[in-house]
């Protein structure tokens, strides 16, 4: 079974693709393929970040029910008094 690629590995792969494209010395066909790969990785990474944000903004109340954690509450928790 194939090993699951981590967020960090995908990010590194995306950075390598961007670096390669920025060099500008690759054939057009390869550049197009790398661009497509980069776009796919970018979408995958964005979805992972959105899922993480959704997970981090949920809390369990005293009754065991899941509640959304409001951004204002997060801001208040981390503000200096």
N, C-alpha and C. Protein backbone atom coordinates (compact mmCIF):
# COMPACT_ATOMS: atom_id res chain seq x y z
N UNK A 1 0.84 -1.18 0.00
CA UNK A 1 0.00 0.00 0.00
C UNK A 1 0.89 1.24 0.00
N UNK A 2 0.48 2.25 -0.73
CA UNK A 2 1.27 3.48 -0.85
C UNK A 2 1.20 4.27 0.45
N UNK A 3 2.34 4.86 0.81
CA UNK A 3 2.41 5.69 2.01
C UNK A 3 1.72 7.02 1.75
N UNK A 4 0.94 7.49 2.73
CA UNK A 4 0.23 8.75 2.59
C UNK A 4 1.23 9.90 2.61
N UNK A 5 1.06 10.81 1.66
CA UNK A 5 1.93 11.97 1.56
C UNK A 5 1.45 13.01 2.57
N UNK A 6 2.39 13.57 3.33
CA UNK A 6 2.03 14.55 4.35
C UNK A 6 1.83 15.93 3.73
N UNK A 7 1.20 16.81 4.50
CA UNK A 7 1.03 18.20 4.08
C UNK A 7 2.39 18.82 3.78
N UNK A 8 3.34 18.58 4.66
CA UNK A 8 4.67 19.15 4.50
C UNK A 8 5.37 18.66 3.23
N UNK A 9 5.18 17.38 2.91
CA UNK A 9 5.77 16.83 1.68
C UNK A 9 5.13 17.46 0.44
N UNK A 10 3.80 17.61 0.48
CA UNK A 10 3.11 18.26 -0.63
C UNK A 10 3.58 19.71 -0.79
N UNK A 11 3.75 20.40 0.33
CA UNK A 11 4.21 21.78 0.28
C UNK A 11 5.61 21.86 -0.33
N UNK A 12 6.48 20.95 0.06
CA UNK A 12 7.84 20.92 -0.49
C UNK A 12 7.79 20.65 -1.99
N UNK A 13 6.94 19.72 -2.41
CA UNK A 13 6.80 19.41 -3.83
C UNK A 13 6.32 20.62 -4.61
N UNK A 14 5.34 21.35 -4.04
CA UNK A 14 4.84 22.55 -4.69
C UNK A 14 5.94 23.60 -4.81
N UNK A 15 6.72 23.78 -3.76
CA UNK A 15 7.82 24.74 -3.80
C UNK A 15 8.85 24.37 -4.87
N UNK A 16 9.12 23.09 -5.03
CA UNK A 16 10.06 22.63 -6.06
C UNK A 16 9.51 22.90 -7.46
N UNK A 17 8.22 22.69 -7.64
CA UNK A 17 7.60 22.97 -8.94
C UNK A 17 7.70 24.46 -9.26
N UNK A 18 7.37 25.30 -8.29
CA UNK A 18 7.43 26.75 -8.50
C UNK A 18 8.86 27.17 -8.84
N UNK A 19 9.81 26.65 -8.11
CA UNK A 19 11.22 26.98 -8.36
C UNK A 19 11.62 26.59 -9.78
N UNK A 20 11.22 25.41 -10.18
CA UNK A 20 11.56 24.91 -11.53
C UNK A 20 10.93 25.79 -12.60
N UNK A 21 9.66 26.17 -12.40
CA UNK A 21 8.98 27.01 -13.38
C UNK A 21 9.59 28.41 -13.43
N UNK A 22 10.01 28.93 -12.28
CA UNK A 22 10.61 30.26 -12.24
C UNK A 22 11.95 30.31 -12.96
N UNK A 23 12.64 29.19 -13.04
CA UNK A 23 13.91 29.15 -13.76
C UNK A 23 13.70 29.43 -15.24
N UNK A 24 12.56 29.00 -15.75
CA UNK A 24 12.18 29.31 -17.12
C UNK A 24 12.95 28.58 -18.21
N UNK A 25 13.70 27.58 -17.86
CA UNK A 25 14.51 26.88 -18.86
C UNK A 25 14.03 25.45 -19.15
N UNK A 26 12.73 25.24 -19.02
CA UNK A 26 12.18 23.91 -19.32
C UNK A 26 11.30 24.00 -20.55
N UNK A 27 11.19 22.91 -21.30
CA UNK A 27 10.34 22.91 -22.49
C UNK A 27 8.88 23.23 -22.14
N UNK A 28 8.19 23.82 -23.10
CA UNK A 28 6.82 24.24 -22.90
C UNK A 28 5.93 23.11 -22.40
N UNK A 29 6.02 21.94 -23.00
CA UNK A 29 5.18 20.81 -22.61
C UNK A 29 5.40 20.43 -21.16
N UNK A 30 6.66 20.41 -20.74
CA UNK A 30 6.99 20.08 -19.36
C UNK A 30 6.49 21.19 -18.42
N UNK A 31 6.62 22.43 -18.84
CA UNK A 31 6.16 23.56 -18.02
C UNK A 31 4.65 23.47 -17.81
N UNK A 32 3.92 23.12 -18.86
CA UNK A 32 2.46 22.99 -18.74
C UNK A 32 2.11 21.87 -17.77
N UNK A 33 2.80 20.75 -17.88
CA UNK A 33 2.55 19.62 -16.99
C UNK A 33 2.88 19.99 -15.53
N UNK A 34 4.00 20.65 -15.33
CA UNK A 34 4.38 21.08 -13.98
C UNK A 34 3.36 22.07 -13.42
N UNK A 35 2.88 22.98 -14.27
CA UNK A 35 1.87 23.94 -13.84
C UNK A 35 0.61 23.22 -13.37
N UNK A 36 0.15 22.22 -14.15
CA UNK A 36 -1.03 21.44 -13.77
C UNK A 36 -0.80 20.73 -12.45
N UNK A 37 0.37 20.13 -12.27
CA UNK A 37 0.69 19.44 -11.02
C UNK A 37 0.67 20.43 -9.85
N UNK A 38 1.24 21.61 -10.09
CA UNK A 38 1.27 22.64 -9.06
C UNK A 38 -0.13 23.09 -8.67
N UNK A 39 -1.00 23.27 -9.65
CA UNK A 39 -2.38 23.68 -9.36
C UNK A 39 -3.11 22.60 -8.56
N UNK A 40 -2.90 21.34 -8.92
CA UNK A 40 -3.53 20.24 -8.18
C UNK A 40 -3.03 20.21 -6.73
N UNK A 41 -1.72 20.36 -6.55
CA UNK A 41 -1.17 20.38 -5.20
C UNK A 41 -1.69 21.58 -4.41
N UNK A 42 -1.79 22.72 -5.06
CA UNK A 42 -2.28 23.93 -4.40
C UNK A 42 -3.70 23.72 -3.90
N UNK A 43 -4.55 23.14 -4.72
CA UNK A 43 -5.94 22.86 -4.32
C UNK A 43 -5.99 21.88 -3.15
N UNK A 44 -5.16 20.84 -3.23
CA UNK A 44 -5.12 19.84 -2.17
C UNK A 44 -4.68 20.48 -0.85
N UNK A 45 -3.64 21.30 -0.90
CA UNK A 45 -3.14 21.97 0.30
C UNK A 45 -4.18 22.93 0.87
N UNK A 46 -4.86 23.66 0.01
CA UNK A 46 -5.89 24.60 0.46
C UNK A 46 -7.02 23.85 1.16
N UNK A 47 -7.43 22.72 0.60
CA UNK A 47 -8.49 21.92 1.22
C UNK A 47 -8.06 21.40 2.58
N UNK A 48 -6.81 20.97 2.68
CA UNK A 48 -6.30 20.49 3.97
C UNK A 48 -6.33 21.60 5.01
N UNK A 49 -5.93 22.81 4.62
CA UNK A 49 -5.96 23.94 5.55
C UNK A 49 -7.38 24.30 5.95
N UNK A 50 -8.31 24.26 5.01
CA UNK A 50 -9.71 24.55 5.34
C UNK A 50 -10.28 23.52 6.32
N UNK A 51 -9.95 22.25 6.11
CA UNK A 51 -10.42 21.20 7.02
C UNK A 51 -9.82 21.39 8.40
N UNK A 52 -8.56 21.78 8.46
CA UNK A 52 -7.91 22.02 9.75
C UNK A 52 -8.58 23.18 10.46
N UNK A 53 -8.88 24.24 9.73
CA UNK A 53 -9.54 25.40 10.32
C UNK A 53 -10.91 25.01 10.88
N UNK A 54 -11.66 24.21 10.12
CA UNK A 54 -12.98 23.78 10.58
C UNK A 54 -12.86 22.95 11.86
N UNK A 55 -11.86 22.10 11.92
CA UNK A 55 -11.65 21.27 13.10
C UNK A 55 -11.28 22.13 14.30
N UNK A 56 -10.43 23.10 14.09
CA UNK A 56 -9.97 23.93 15.19
C UNK A 56 -11.01 24.91 15.69
N UNK A 57 -12.05 25.16 14.91
CA UNK A 57 -13.08 26.11 15.34
C UNK A 57 -14.29 25.42 15.96
N UNK A 58 -14.18 24.14 16.28
CA UNK A 58 -15.26 23.41 16.92
C UNK A 58 -14.86 23.08 18.36
N UNK A 59 -15.82 23.17 19.25
CA UNK A 59 -15.60 22.80 20.64
C UNK A 59 -16.77 21.94 21.10
N UNK A 60 -16.56 21.23 22.17
CA UNK A 60 -17.62 20.41 22.74
C UNK A 60 -18.12 21.12 24.00
N UNK A 61 -19.44 21.33 24.10
CA UNK A 61 -19.99 22.01 25.27
C UNK A 61 -20.19 21.02 26.42
N UNK A 62 -20.71 21.50 27.53
CA UNK A 62 -20.90 20.67 28.73
C UNK A 62 -21.83 19.48 28.50
N UNK A 63 -22.72 19.58 27.53
CA UNK A 63 -23.66 18.50 27.23
C UNK A 63 -23.10 17.50 26.22
N UNK A 64 -21.86 17.71 25.78
CA UNK A 64 -21.25 16.82 24.81
C UNK A 64 -21.63 17.14 23.38
N UNK A 65 -22.28 18.28 23.18
CA UNK A 65 -22.67 18.70 21.83
C UNK A 65 -21.56 19.52 21.18
N UNK A 66 -21.41 19.34 19.91
CA UNK A 66 -20.41 20.10 19.16
C UNK A 66 -20.92 21.51 18.89
N UNK A 67 -20.10 22.50 19.18
CA UNK A 67 -20.45 23.90 18.96
C UNK A 67 -19.35 24.56 18.15
N UNK A 68 -19.74 25.48 17.28
CA UNK A 68 -18.74 26.24 16.55
C UNK A 68 -18.12 27.26 17.49
N UNK A 69 -16.83 27.42 17.36
CA UNK A 69 -16.08 28.39 18.15
C UNK A 69 -16.02 29.66 17.34
N UNK A 70 -16.62 30.71 17.82
CA UNK A 70 -16.68 31.97 17.09
C UNK A 70 -15.31 32.63 17.03
N UNK A 71 -15.02 33.26 15.90
CA UNK A 71 -13.74 33.93 15.73
C UNK A 71 -13.52 34.99 16.80
N UNK A 72 -14.58 35.66 17.20
CA UNK A 72 -14.47 36.69 18.24
C UNK A 72 -14.00 36.07 19.56
N UNK A 73 -14.49 34.86 19.86
CA UNK A 73 -14.06 34.17 21.07
C UNK A 73 -12.58 33.84 21.02
N UNK A 74 -12.10 33.43 19.85
CA UNK A 74 -10.68 33.11 19.67
C UNK A 74 -9.85 34.37 19.88
N UNK A 75 -10.29 35.46 19.28
CA UNK A 75 -9.58 36.73 19.42
C UNK A 75 -9.52 37.14 20.89
N UNK A 76 -10.63 37.02 21.59
CA UNK A 76 -10.66 37.39 23.00
C UNK A 76 -9.75 36.49 23.85
N UNK A 77 -9.66 35.23 23.51
CA UNK A 77 -8.80 34.31 24.26
C UNK A 77 -7.33 34.72 24.16
N UNK A 78 -6.93 35.21 23.01
CA UNK A 78 -5.52 35.49 22.77
C UNK A 78 -5.17 36.96 22.91
N UNK A 79 -6.12 37.80 23.26
CA UNK A 79 -5.79 39.22 23.42
C UNK A 79 -5.13 39.43 24.78
N UNK A 80 -4.27 40.39 24.84
CA UNK A 80 -3.59 40.72 26.08
C UNK A 80 -4.48 41.61 26.92
N UNK A 81 -4.48 41.39 28.19
CA UNK A 81 -5.31 42.16 29.10
C UNK A 81 -4.55 43.35 29.62
